[in-house]
Amino acid sequence: MSQSTIHKSPCPGCGRALEFTLWQSINTETENARENIISGKLFDVVCPDCGYSARVQYPMLFSDLEHNTWIWFYPEDRAEETMPVIEAAKEKGVRCRLVHTQEALS
């Protein structure tokens, strides 16, 4: 199951409230998930008022249900946080991969 939260912060361009989706996990059942990860769109934030745009970095899990594969995107300095979950998933037969850049997700 995909899980997300709405993050709110002031826009660096105009200061107005900017809301965007942060995905803790996203899977292949979510419409366009694979395409949005590969293109980077999943991490793009655009202010509807001033047009400011940025690519945000945050940890997340992509689950390819069809291929029984999990790909974790986690900053290298925090990768140890995911190891217990990865090891437990591997014990259940899930293929797991840990990447440290958004580009490595594709």
Protein backbone atom coordinates (compact mmCIF):
# COMPACT_ATOMS: atom_id res chain seq x y z
CA MET A 1 0.00 0.00 0.00
CA SER A 2 1.34 3.43 -0.92
CA GLN A 3 1.63 5.97 1.88
CA SER A 4 2.08 9.70 1.58
CA THR A 5 1.73 12.89 3.58
CA ILE A 6 1.16 16.48 2.57
CA HIS A 7 4.11 18.66 3.49
CA LYS A 8 3.58 22.40 3.96
CA SER A 9 6.29 25.03 3.89
CA PRO A 10 6.73 28.61 2.71
CA CYS A 11 7.68 28.95 -0.93
CA PRO A 12 11.28 30.20 -1.24
CA GLY A 13 10.20 32.26 -4.25
CA CYS A 14 7.19 34.16 -2.95
CA GLY A 15 6.70 33.10 0.69
CA ARG A 16 3.18 31.79 0.21
CA ALA A 17 2.15 28.44 1.65
CA LEU A 18 3.37 25.62 -0.59
CA GLU A 19 1.92 22.12 -0.26
CA PHE A 20 3.39 19.02 -1.86
CA THR A 21 3.18 15.26 -1.45
CA LEU A 22 5.95 13.34 0.28
CA TRP A 23 5.78 9.60 -0.34
CA GLN A 24 6.97 7.34 2.47
CA SER A 25 6.23 4.42 0.15
CA ILE A 26 4.76 4.08 -3.31
CA ASN A 27 4.01 0.95 -5.28
CA THR A 28 3.14 -0.12 -8.79
CA GLU A 29 -0.60 0.00 -8.01
CA THR A 30 -0.36 3.81 -7.73
CA GLU A 31 -1.13 5.37 -11.09
CA ASN A 32 2.00 6.46 -12.98
CA ALA A 33 4.29 5.60 -10.02
CA ARG A 34 6.99 4.00 -12.14
CA GLU A 35 6.93 6.77 -14.76
CA ASN A 36 6.97 9.53 -12.11
CA ILE A 37 9.98 7.98 -10.38
CA ILE A 38 11.93 7.48 -13.60
CA SER A 39 11.21 11.02 -14.81
CA GLY A 40 11.87 12.54 -11.37
CA LYS A 41 8.40 14.09 -11.33
CA LEU A 42 7.66 12.36 -8.01
CA PHE A 43 10.24 14.65 -6.38
CA ASP A 44 9.41 17.90 -8.22
CA VAL A 45 7.72 20.77 -6.39
CA VAL A 46 6.24 23.74 -8.24
CA CYS A 47 4.62 26.78 -6.65
CA PRO A 48 1.28 27.48 -8.34
CA ASP A 49 1.57 31.19 -7.47
CA CYS A 50 5.06 32.23 -8.60
CA GLY A 51 6.26 29.19 -10.56
CA TYR A 52 9.23 28.47 -8.29
CA SER A 53 10.36 24.88 -8.84
CA ALA A 54 12.73 22.55 -7.07
CA ARG A 55 13.51 18.87 -6.72
CA VAL A 56 13.17 17.73 -3.11
CA GLN A 57 15.13 14.89 -1.51
CA TYR A 58 13.47 12.59 1.02
CA PRO A 59 13.68 8.91 1.94
CA MET A 60 11.11 6.62 0.35
CA LEU A 61 10.37 3.04 -0.64
CA PHE A 62 9.29 1.95 -4.11
CA SER A 63 7.60 -1.47 -4.20
CA ASP A 64 7.36 -3.30 -7.50
CA LEU A 65 4.63 -5.77 -6.59
CA GLU A 66 4.75 -7.59 -9.90
CA HIS A 67 8.43 -8.46 -9.46
CA ASN A 68 8.42 -8.84 -5.64
CA THR A 69 11.07 -6.11 -5.39
CA TRP A 70 11.60 -3.22 -2.99
CA ILE A 71 13.89 -0.31 -3.82
CA TRP A 72 14.75 1.97 -0.91
CA PHE A 73 15.97 5.50 -1.59
CA TYR A 74 17.79 6.67 1.51
CA PRO A 75 20.62 9.15 2.05
CA GLU A 76 23.90 7.31 2.55
CA ASP A 77 24.45 8.78 6.02
CA ARG A 78 21.09 7.34 7.20
CA ALA A 79 21.12 4.01 5.34
CA GLU A 80 21.62 1.97 8.52
CA GLU A 81 18.08 2.94 9.58
CA THR A 82 16.64 0.78 6.81
CA MET A 83 18.80 -2.31 7.34
CA PRO A 84 16.52 -4.13 9.84
CA VAL A 85 13.54 -3.74 7.49
CA ILE A 86 15.56 -4.79 4.46
CA GLU A 87 16.90 -7.88 6.22
CA ALA A 88 13.39 -8.88 7.37
CA ALA A 89 12.04 -8.46 3.83
CA LYS A 90 14.88 -10.54 2.36
CA GLU A 91 14.05 -13.33 4.82
CA LYS A 92 10.53 -13.38 3.35
CA GLY A 93 11.88 -13.68 -0.20
CA VAL A 94 11.57 -10.03 -1.26
CA ARG A 95 14.31 -8.78 -3.56
CA CYS A 96 15.66 -5.56 -2.01
CA ARG A 97 17.92 -2.81 -3.21
CA LEU A 98 19.18 0.29 -1.39
CA VAL A 99 20.09 3.36 -3.44
CA HIS A 100 21.44 6.73 -2.35
CA THR A 101 20.41 8.93 -5.30
CA GLN A 102 17.11 9.56 -7.03
CA GLU A 103 18.75 8.75 -10.37
CA ALA A 104 19.58 5.25 -9.12
CA LEU A 105 15.86 4.54 -8.62
CA SER A 106 15.30 4.33 -12.38
